[in-house]
PDB file of all heavy atoms in Angstrom:
ATOM      1  N   GLY A   1     -62.631-108.014  52.192  1.00  0.00           N
ATOM      2  CA  GLY A   1     -63.519-107.980  53.351  1.00  0.00           C
ATOM      3  C   GLY A   1     -64.886-108.591  53.109  1.00  0.00           C
ATOM      4  O   GLY A   1     -65.577-108.972  54.056  1.00  0.00           O
ATOM      5  N   CYS A   2     -65.299-108.719  51.866  1.00  0.00           N
ATOM      6  CA  CYS A   2     -66.630-109.276  51.577  1.00  0.00           C
ATOM      7  C   CYS A   2     -66.549-110.674  50.963  1.00  0.00           C
ATOM      8  O   CYS A   2     -67.565-111.231  50.573  1.00  0.00           O
ATOM      9  CB  CYS A   2     -67.417-108.334  50.677  1.00  0.00           C
ATOM     10  SG  CYS A   2     -66.815-108.223  48.979  1.00  0.00           S
ATOM     11  N   ARG A   3     -65.366-111.258  50.902  1.00  0.00           N
ATOM     12  CA  ARG A   3     -65.211-112.531  50.187  1.00  0.00           C
ATOM     13  C   ARG A   3     -66.044-113.660  50.762  1.00  0.00           C
ATOM     14  O   ARG A   3     -66.580-114.473  50.018  1.00  0.00           O
ATOM     15  CB  ARG A   3     -63.749-112.927  50.097  1.00  0.00           C
ATOM     16  CG  ARG A   3     -63.132-113.372  51.392  1.00  0.00           C
ATOM     17  CD  ARG A   3     -61.672-113.764  51.191  1.00  0.00           C
ATOM     18  NE  ARG A   3     -61.005-113.968  52.434  1.00  0.00           N
ATOM     19  CZ  ARG A   3     -60.348-113.056  53.119  1.00  0.00           C
ATOM     20  NH1 ARG A   3     -60.283-111.823  52.654  1.00  0.00           N
ATOM     21  NH2 ARG A   3     -59.758-113.337  54.251  1.00  0.00           N
ATOM     22  N   TRP A   4     -66.147-113.753  52.089  1.00  0.00           N
ATOM     23  CA  TRP A   4     -66.882-114.891  52.662  1.00  0.00           C
ATOM     24  C   TRP A   4     -68.377-114.766  52.398  1.00  0.00           C
ATOM     25  O   TRP A   4     -69.042-115.767  52.152  1.00  0.00           O
ATOM     26  CB  TRP A   4     -66.570-115.032  54.139  1.00  0.00           C
ATOM     27  CG  TRP A   4     -65.120-115.305  54.355  1.00  0.00           C
ATOM     28  CD1 TRP A   4     -64.236-114.541  55.060  1.00  0.00           C
ATOM     29  CD2 TRP A   4     -64.346-116.387  53.810  1.00  0.00           C
ATOM     30  NE1 TRP A   4     -62.975-115.079  54.993  1.00  0.00           N
ATOM     31  CE2 TRP A   4     -63.009-116.224  54.232  1.00  0.00           C
ATOM     32  CE3 TRP A   4     -64.644-117.476  53.006  1.00  0.00           C
ATOM     33  CZ2 TRP A   4     -62.004-117.106  53.881  1.00  0.00           C
ATOM     34  CZ3 TRP A   4     -63.625-118.351  52.657  1.00  0.00           C
ATOM     35  CH2 TRP A   4     -62.330-118.170  53.093  1.00  0.00           C
ATOM     36  N   GLN A   5     -68.896-113.564  52.424  1.00  0.00           N
ATOM     37  CA  GLN A   5     -70.309-113.380  52.076  1.00  0.00           C
ATOM     38  C   GLN A   5     -70.528-113.705  50.603  1.00  0.00           C
ATOM     39  O   GLN A   5     -71.508-114.337  50.239  1.00  0.00           O
ATOM     40  CB  GLN A   5     -70.757-111.956  52.383  1.00  0.00           C
ATOM     41  CG  GLN A   5     -70.820-111.678  53.866  1.00  0.00           C
ATOM     42  CD  GLN A   5     -71.104-110.220  54.120  1.00  0.00           C
ATOM     43  OE1 GLN A   5     -70.371-109.358  53.659  1.00  0.00           O
ATOM     44  NE2 GLN A   5     -72.170-109.958  54.858  1.00  0.00           N
ATOM     45  N   TRP A   6     -69.619-113.268  49.741  1.00  0.00           N
ATOM     46  CA  TRP A   6     -69.713-113.518  48.315  1.00  0.00           C
ATOM     47  C   TRP A   6     -69.690-115.020  48.024  1.00  0.00           C
ATOM     48  O   TRP A   6     -70.389-115.519  47.152  1.00  0.00           O
ATOM     49  CB  TRP A   6     -68.568-112.811  47.598  1.00  0.00           C
ATOM     50  CG  TRP A   6     -68.490-113.074  46.140  1.00  0.00           C
ATOM     51  CD1 TRP A   6     -67.632-113.913  45.501  1.00  0.00           C
ATOM     52  CD2 TRP A   6     -69.311-112.517  45.115  1.00  0.00           C
ATOM     53  NE1 TRP A   6     -67.861-113.899  44.146  1.00  0.00           N
ATOM     54  CE2 TRP A   6     -68.891-113.051  43.884  1.00  0.00           C
ATOM     55  CE3 TRP A   6     -70.368-111.606  45.122  1.00  0.00           C
ATOM     56  CZ2 TRP A   6     -69.490-112.714  42.681  1.00  0.00           C
ATOM     57  CZ3 TRP A   6     -70.956-111.265  43.921  1.00  0.00           C
ATOM     58  CH2 TRP A   6     -70.509-111.818  42.732  1.00  0.00           C
ATOM     59  N   LEU A   7     -68.880-115.757  48.771  1.00  0.00           N
ATOM     60  CA  LEU A   7     -68.737-117.198  48.552  1.00  0.00           C
ATOM     61  C   LEU A   7     -69.787-118.032  49.287  1.00  0.00           C
ATOM     62  O   LEU A   7     -69.856-119.237  49.089  1.00  0.00           O
ATOM     63  CB  LEU A   7     -67.341-117.651  48.995  1.00  0.00           C
ATOM     64  CG  LEU A   7     -66.183-117.099  48.172  1.00  0.00           C
ATOM     65  CD1 LEU A   7     -64.856-117.454  48.831  1.00  0.00           C
ATOM     66  CD2 LEU A   7     -66.240-117.638  46.748  1.00  0.00           C
ATOM     67  N   ASP A   8     -70.596-117.419  50.114  1.00  0.00           N
ATOM     68  CA  ASP A   8     -71.614-118.134  50.890  1.00  0.00           C
ATOM     69  C   ASP A   8     -72.632-118.784  49.957  1.00  0.00           C
ATOM     70  O   ASP A   8     -73.356-118.093  49.242  1.00  0.00           O
ATOM     71  CB  ASP A   8     -72.309-117.157  51.831  1.00  0.00           C
ATOM     72  CG  ASP A   8     -73.345-117.815  52.717  1.00  0.00           C
ATOM     73  OD1 ASP A   8     -73.660-119.010  52.524  1.00  0.00           O
ATOM     74  OD2 ASP A   8     -73.846-117.121  53.624  1.00  0.00           O
ATOM     75  N   PRO A   9     -72.700-120.123  49.938  1.00  0.00           N
ATOM     76  CA  PRO A   9     -73.646-120.791  49.045  1.00  0.00           C
ATOM     77  C   PRO A   9     -75.104-120.515  49.406  1.00  0.00           C
ATOM     78  O   PRO A   9     -76.002-120.704  48.583  1.00  0.00           O
ATOM     79  CB  PRO A   9     -73.313-122.273  49.188  1.00  0.00           C
ATOM     80  CG  PRO A   9     -72.582-122.391  50.474  1.00  0.00           C
ATOM     81  CD  PRO A   9     -71.921-121.071  50.725  1.00  0.00           C
ATOM     82  N   GLY A  10     -75.332-120.032  50.617  1.00  0.00           N
ATOM     83  CA  GLY A  10     -76.694-119.699  51.025  1.00  0.00           C
ATOM     84  C   GLY A  10     -77.188-118.386  50.442  1.00  0.00           C
ATOM     85  O   GLY A  10     -78.387-118.104  50.475  1.00  0.00           O
ATOM     86  N   LEU A  11     -76.284-117.585  49.930  1.00  0.00           N
ATOM     87  CA  LEU A  11     -76.678-116.321  49.304  1.00  0.00           C
ATOM     88  C   LEU A  11     -76.756-116.515  47.794  1.00  0.00           C
ATOM     89  O   LEU A  11     -75.741-116.688  47.134  1.00  0.00           O
ATOM     90  CB  LEU A  11     -75.668-115.215  49.613  1.00  0.00           C
ATOM     91  CG  LEU A  11     -75.601-114.710  51.044  1.00  0.00           C
ATOM     92  CD1 LEU A  11     -74.530-113.645  51.182  1.00  0.00           C
ATOM     93  CD2 LEU A  11     -76.934-114.152  51.470  1.00  0.00           C
ATOM     94  N   SER A  12     -77.957-116.501  47.289  1.00  0.00           N
ATOM     95  CA  SER A  12     -78.117-116.668  45.846  1.00  0.00           C
ATOM     96  C   SER A  12     -78.963-115.563  45.221  1.00  0.00           C
ATOM     97  O   SER A  12     -79.018-115.446  44.004  1.00  0.00           O
ATOM     98  CB  SER A  12     -78.735-118.036  45.530  1.00  0.00           C
ATOM     99  OG  SER A  12     -79.985-118.172  46.159  1.00  0.00           O
ATOM    100  N   ASP A  13     -79.582-114.763  46.059  1.00  0.00           N
ATOM    101  CA  ASP A  13     -80.398-113.659  45.560  1.00  0.00           C
ATOM    102  C   ASP A  13     -79.486-112.557  45.014  1.00  0.00           C
ATOM    103  O   ASP A  13     -78.588-112.079  45.706  1.00  0.00           O
ATOM    104  CB  ASP A  13     -81.274-113.113  46.689  1.00  0.00           C
ATOM    105  CG  ASP A  13     -82.073-111.910  46.258  1.00  0.00           C
ATOM    106  OD1 ASP A  13     -82.950-112.063  45.388  1.00  0.00           O
ATOM    107  OD2 ASP A  13     -81.781-110.811  46.781  1.00  0.00           O
ATOM    108  N   ARG A  14     -79.704-112.191  43.774  1.00  0.00           N
ATOM    109  CA  ARG A  14     -78.836-111.200  43.122  1.00  0.00           C
ATOM    110  C   ARG A  14     -78.782-109.870  43.866  1.00  0.00           C
ATOM    111  O   ARG A  14     -77.733-109.270  44.006  1.00  0.00           O
ATOM    112  CB  ARG A  14     -79.277-110.957  41.684  1.00  0.00           C
ATOM    113  CG  ARG A  14     -78.924-112.070  40.770  1.00  0.00           C
ATOM    114  CD  ARG A  14     -79.335-111.732  39.355  1.00  0.00           C
ATOM    115  NE  ARG A  14     -79.067-112.873  38.493  1.00  0.00           N
ATOM    116  CZ  ARG A  14     -78.762-112.783  37.248  1.00  0.00           C
ATOM    117  NH1 ARG A  14     -78.719-111.610  36.656  1.00  0.00           N
ATOM    118  NH2 ARG A  14     -78.532-113.854  36.529  1.00  0.00           N
ATOM    119  N   GLU A  15     -79.902-109.397  44.324  1.00  0.00           N
ATOM    120  CA  GLU A  15     -79.929-108.104  45.003  1.00  0.00           C
ATOM    121  C   GLU A  15     -79.133-108.161  46.308  1.00  0.00           C
ATOM    122  O   GLU A  15     -78.386-107.240  46.625  1.00  0.00           O
ATOM    123  CB  GLU A  15     -81.369-107.659  45.268  1.00  0.00           C
ATOM    124  CG  GLU A  15     -81.479-106.217  45.696  1.00  0.00           C
ATOM    125  CD  GLU A  15     -80.913-105.241  44.652  1.00  0.00           C
ATOM    126  OE1 GLU A  15     -81.026-105.484  43.443  1.00  0.00           O
ATOM    127  OE2 GLU A  15     -80.355-104.216  45.092  1.00  0.00           O
ATOM    128  N   THR A  16     -79.256-109.247  47.037  1.00  0.00           N
ATOM    129  CA  THR A  16     -78.487-109.413  48.270  1.00  0.00           C
ATOM    130  C   THR A  16     -77.002-109.443  47.966  1.00  0.00           C
ATOM    131  O   THR A  16     -76.195-108.803  48.645  1.00  0.00           O
ATOM    132  CB  THR A  16     -78.901-110.702  49.006  1.00  0.00           C
ATOM    133  OG1 THR A  16     -80.302-110.642  49.292  1.00  0.00           O
ATOM    134  CG2 THR A  16     -78.131-110.872  50.289  1.00  0.00           C
ATOM    135  N   LEU A  17     -76.629-110.181  46.927  1.00  0.00           N
ATOM    136  CA  LEU A  17     -75.219-110.254  46.543  1.00  0.00           C
ATOM    137  C   LEU A  17     -74.688-108.885  46.122  1.00  0.00           C
ATOM    138  O   LEU A  17     -73.563-108.525  46.449  1.00  0.00           O
ATOM    139  CB  LEU A  17     -75.022-111.265  45.416  1.00  0.00           C
ATOM    140  CG  LEU A  17     -75.134-112.722  45.843  1.00  0.00           C
ATOM    141  CD1 LEU A  17     -75.178-113.634  44.623  1.00  0.00           C
ATOM    142  CD2 LEU A  17     -73.995-113.096  46.761  1.00  0.00           C
ATOM    143  N   ARG A  18     -75.494-108.126  45.420  1.00  0.00           N
ATOM    144  CA  ARG A  18     -75.070-106.771  45.029  1.00  0.00           C
ATOM    145  C   ARG A  18     -74.820-105.903  46.257  1.00  0.00           C
ATOM    146  O   ARG A  18     -73.937-105.050  46.261  1.00  0.00           O
ATOM    147  CB  ARG A  18     -76.124-106.116  44.141  1.00  0.00           C
ATOM    148  CG  ARG A  18     -76.115-106.608  42.741  1.00  0.00           C
ATOM    149  CD  ARG A  18     -77.069-105.788  41.867  1.00  0.00           C
ATOM    150  NE  ARG A  18     -77.117-106.346  40.550  1.00  0.00           N
ATOM    151  CZ  ARG A  18     -78.169-106.963  40.020  1.00  0.00           C
ATOM    152  NH1 ARG A  18     -79.289-107.069  40.716  1.00  0.00           N
ATOM    153  NH2 ARG A  18     -78.126-107.460  38.805  1.00  0.00           N
ATOM    154  N   ASN A  19     -75.607-106.122  47.298  1.00  0.00           N
ATOM    155  CA  ASN A  19     -75.473-105.312  48.507  1.00  0.00           C
ATOM    156  C   ASN A  19     -74.264-105.702  49.347  1.00  0.00           C
ATOM    157  O   ASN A  19     -73.706-104.863  50.045  1.00  0.00           O
ATOM    158  CB  ASN A  19     -76.745-105.392  49.353  1.00  0.00           C
ATOM    159  CG  ASN A  19     -77.906-104.671  48.699  1.00  0.00           C
ATOM    160  OD1 ASN A  19     -77.717-103.690  47.990  1.00  0.00           O
ATOM    161  ND2 ASN A  19     -79.109-105.155  48.919  1.00  0.00           N
ATOM    162  N   VAL A  20     -73.862-106.976  49.310  1.00  0.00           N
ATOM    163  CA  VAL A  20     -72.716-107.399  50.125  1.00  0.00           C
ATOM    164  C   VAL A  20     -71.396-107.251  49.376  1.00  0.00           C
ATOM    165  O   VAL A  20     -70.345-107.122  50.000  1.00  0.00           O
ATOM    166  CB  VAL A  20     -72.855-108.848  50.646  1.00  0.00           C
ATOM    167  CG1 VAL A  20     -74.082-108.986  51.521  1.00  0.00           C
ATOM    168  CG2 VAL A  20     -72.845-109.866  49.542  1.00  0.00           C
ATOM    169  N   ALA A  21     -71.441-107.282  48.054  1.00  0.00           N
ATOM    170  CA  ALA A  21     -70.212-107.196  47.267  1.00  0.00           C
ATOM    171  C   ALA A  21     -69.694-105.763  47.245  1.00  0.00           C
ATOM    172  O   ALA A  21     -70.446-104.825  47.002  1.00  0.00           O
ATOM    173  CB  ALA A  21     -70.464-107.683  45.843  1.00  0.00           C
ATOM    174  N   ARG A  22     -68.411-105.613  47.530  1.00  0.00           N
ATOM    175  CA  ARG A  22     -67.773-104.300  47.474  1.00  0.00           C
ATOM    176  C   ARG A  22     -66.571-104.405  46.544  1.00  0.00           C
ATOM    177  O   ARG A  22     -65.754-105.317  46.668  1.00  0.00           O
ATOM    178  CB  ARG A  22     -67.315-103.865  48.870  1.00  0.00           C
ATOM    179  CG  ARG A  22     -68.464-103.589  49.818  1.00  0.00           C
ATOM    180  CD  ARG A  22     -67.972-103.048  51.157  1.00  0.00           C
ATOM    181  NE  ARG A  22     -66.874-103.797  51.740  1.00  0.00           N
ATOM    182  CZ  ARG A  22     -67.005-104.871  52.523  1.00  0.00           C
ATOM    183  NH1 ARG A  22     -68.200-105.341  52.791  1.00  0.00           N
ATOM    184  NH2 ARG A  22     -65.941-105.473  53.025  1.00  0.00           N
ATOM    185  N   ARG A  23     -66.480-103.473  45.640  1.00  0.00           N
ATOM    186  CA  ARG A  23     -65.339-103.457  44.713  1.00  0.00           C
ATOM    187  C   ARG A  23     -64.065-103.087  45.450  1.00  0.00           C
ATOM    188  O   ARG A  23     -64.081-102.284  46.370  1.00  0.00           O
ATOM    189  CB  ARG A  23     -65.570-102.459  43.595  1.00  0.00           C
ATOM    190  CG  ARG A  23     -66.648-102.869  42.658  1.00  0.00           C
ATOM    191  CD  ARG A  23     -66.785-101.870  41.552  1.00  0.00           C
ATOM    192  NE  ARG A  23     -67.883-102.261  40.700  1.00  0.00           N
ATOM    193  CZ  ARG A  23     -68.216-101.640  39.612  1.00  0.00           C
ATOM    194  NH1 ARG A  23     -67.537-100.580  39.220  1.00  0.00           N
ATOM    195  NH2 ARG A  23     -69.222-102.053  38.886  1.00  0.00           N
ATOM    196  N   LEU A  24     -62.983-103.675  44.996  1.00  0.00           N
ATOM    197  CA  LEU A  24     -61.672-103.338  45.526  1.00  0.00           C
ATOM    198  C   LEU A  24     -61.303-101.954  45.029  1.00  0.00           C
ATOM    199  O   LEU A  24     -61.489-101.624  43.856  1.00  0.00           O
ATOM    200  CB  LEU A  24     -60.634-104.364  45.047  1.00  0.00           C
ATOM    201  CG  LEU A  24     -59.222-104.172  45.557  1.00  0.00           C
ATOM    202  CD1 LEU A  24     -59.160-104.358  47.064  1.00  0.00           C
ATOM    203  CD2 LEU A  24     -58.291-105.157  44.875  1.00  0.00           C
ATOM    204  N   ASP A  25     -60.790-101.133  45.926  1.00  0.00           N
ATOM    205  CA  ASP A  25     -60.351 -99.792  45.567  1.00  0.00           C
ATOM    206  C   ASP A  25     -59.234 -99.906  44.529  1.00  0.00           C
ATOM    207  O   ASP A  25     -58.220-100.563  44.757  1.00  0.00           O
ATOM    208  CB  ASP A  25     -59.852 -99.067  46.810  1.00  0.00           C
ATOM    209  CG  ASP A  25     -59.427 -97.649  46.549  1.00  0.00           C
ATOM    210  OD1 ASP A  25     -59.629 -97.134  45.431  1.00  0.00           O
ATOM    211  OD2 ASP A  25     -58.881 -97.027  47.483  1.00  0.00           O
ATOM    212  N   ALA A  26     -59.403 -99.289  43.388  1.00  0.00           N
ATOM    213  CA  ALA A  26     -58.440 -99.382  42.288  1.00  0.00           C
ATOM    214  C   ALA A  26     -57.045 -98.931  42.703  1.00  0.00           C
ATOM    215  O   ALA A  26     -56.053 -99.407  42.151  1.00  0.00           O
ATOM    216  CB  ALA A  26     -58.926 -98.566  41.094  1.00  0.00           C
ATOM    217  N   GLU A  27     -56.944 -98.054  43.673  1.00  0.00           N
ATOM    218  CA  GLU A  27     -55.632 -97.587  44.130  1.00  0.00           C
ATOM    219  C   GLU A  27     -54.840 -98.689  44.833  1.00  0.00           C
ATOM    220  O   GLU A  27     -53.635 -98.574  44.996  1.00  0.00           O
ATOM    221  CB  GLU A  27     -55.798 -96.372  45.034  1.00  0.00           C
ATOM    222  CG  GLU A  27     -56.306 -95.163  44.287  1.00  0.00           C
ATOM    223  CD  GLU A  27     -56.499 -93.962  45.189  1.00  0.00           C
ATOM    224  OE1 GLU A  27     -56.095 -94.005  46.369  1.00  0.00           O
ATOM    225  OE2 GLU A  27     -57.062 -92.971  44.699  1.00  0.00           O
ATOM    226  N   ARG A  28     -55.497 -99.768  45.226  1.00  0.00           N
ATOM    227  CA  ARG A  28     -54.812-100.884  45.883  1.00  0.00           C
ATOM    228  C   ARG A  28     -54.211-101.863  44.882  1.00  0.00           C
ATOM    229  O   ARG A  28     -53.443-102.733  45.255  1.00  0.00           O
ATOM    230  CB  ARG A  28     -55.778-101.621  46.807  1.00  0.00           C
ATOM    231  CG  ARG A  28     -56.193-100.782  48.001  1.00  0.00           C
ATOM    232  CD  ARG A  28     -57.129-101.506  48.919  1.00  0.00           C
ATOM    233  NE  ARG A  28     -56.551-102.744  49.410  1.00  0.00           N
ATOM    234  CZ  ARG A  28     -57.242-103.671  50.065  1.00  0.00           C
ATOM    235  NH1 ARG A  28     -58.529-103.487  50.302  1.00  0.00           N
ATOM    236  NH2 ARG A  28     -56.660-104.775  50.473  1.00  0.00           N
ATOM    237  N   LEU A  29     -54.578-101.737  43.618  1.00  0.00           N
ATOM    238  CA  LEU A  29     -54.066-102.648  42.597  1.00  0.00           C
ATOM    239  C   LEU A  29     -52.677-102.219  42.138  1.00  0.00           C
ATOM    240  O   LEU A  29     -52.387-101.035  42.034  1.00  0.00           O
ATOM    241  CB  LEU A  29     -55.004-102.675  41.392  1.00  0.00           C
ATOM    242  CG  LEU A  29     -56.412-103.195  41.649  1.00  0.00           C
ATOM    243  CD1 LEU A  29     -57.249-103.055  40.386  1.00  0.00           C
ATOM    244  CD2 LEU A  29     -56.383-104.634  42.116  1.00  0.00           C
ATOM    245  N   VAL A  30     -51.852-103.194  41.867  1.00  0.00           N
ATOM    246  CA  VAL A  30     -50.504-102.950  41.372  1.00  0.00           C
ATOM    247  C   VAL A  30     -50.318-103.801  40.124  1.00  0.00           C
ATOM    248  O   VAL A  30     -50.613-104.991  40.122  1.00  0.00           O
ATOM    249  CB  VAL A  30     -49.439-103.340  42.418  1.00  0.00           C
ATOM    250  CG1 VAL A  30     -48.048-103.156  41.868  1.00  0.00           C
ATOM    251  CG2 VAL A  30     -49.633-102.554  43.706  1.00  0.00           C
ATOM    252  N   ALA A  31     -49.842-103.180  39.060  1.00  0.00           N
ATOM    253  CA  ALA A  31     -49.604-103.911  37.811  1.00  0.00           C
ATOM    254  C   ALA A  31     -48.130-103.831  37.460  1.00  0.00           C
ATOM    255  O   ALA A  31     -47.492-102.794  37.656  1.00  0.00           O
ATOM    256  CB  ALA A  31     -50.438-103.324  36.681  1.00  0.00           C
ATOM    257  N   TYR A  32     -47.593-104.935  36.973  1.00  0.00           N
ATOM    258  CA  TYR A  32     -46.208-104.971  36.529  1.00  0.00           C
ATOM    259  C   TYR A  32     -46.064-106.076  35.497  1.00  0.00           C
ATOM    260  O   TYR A  32     -46.820-107.051  35.507  1.00  0.00           O
ATOM    261  CB  TYR A  32     -45.234-105.165  37.701  1.00  0.00           C
ATOM    262  CG  TYR A  32     -45.527-106.369  38.558  1.00  0.00           C
ATOM    263  CD1 TYR A  32     -44.989-107.616  38.247  1.00  0.00           C
ATOM    264  CD2 TYR A  32     -46.333-106.272  39.684  1.00  0.00           C
ATOM    265  CE1 TYR A  32     -45.253-108.731  39.026  1.00  0.00           C
ATOM    266  CE2 TYR A  32     -46.605-107.381  40.463  1.00  0.00           C
ATOM    267  CZ  TYR A  32     -46.052-108.602  40.137  1.00  0.00           C
ATOM    268  OH  TYR A  32     -46.317-109.699  40.907  1.00  0.00           O
TER     269      TYR A  32
END
């Protein structure tokens, strides 16, 4: 859900990026 903000070349301020970036819920990951 935050990928386009993360990839936005206009966003370069670290604090702004920290605020828009959301970690993926670990329960959604599948390993095999």
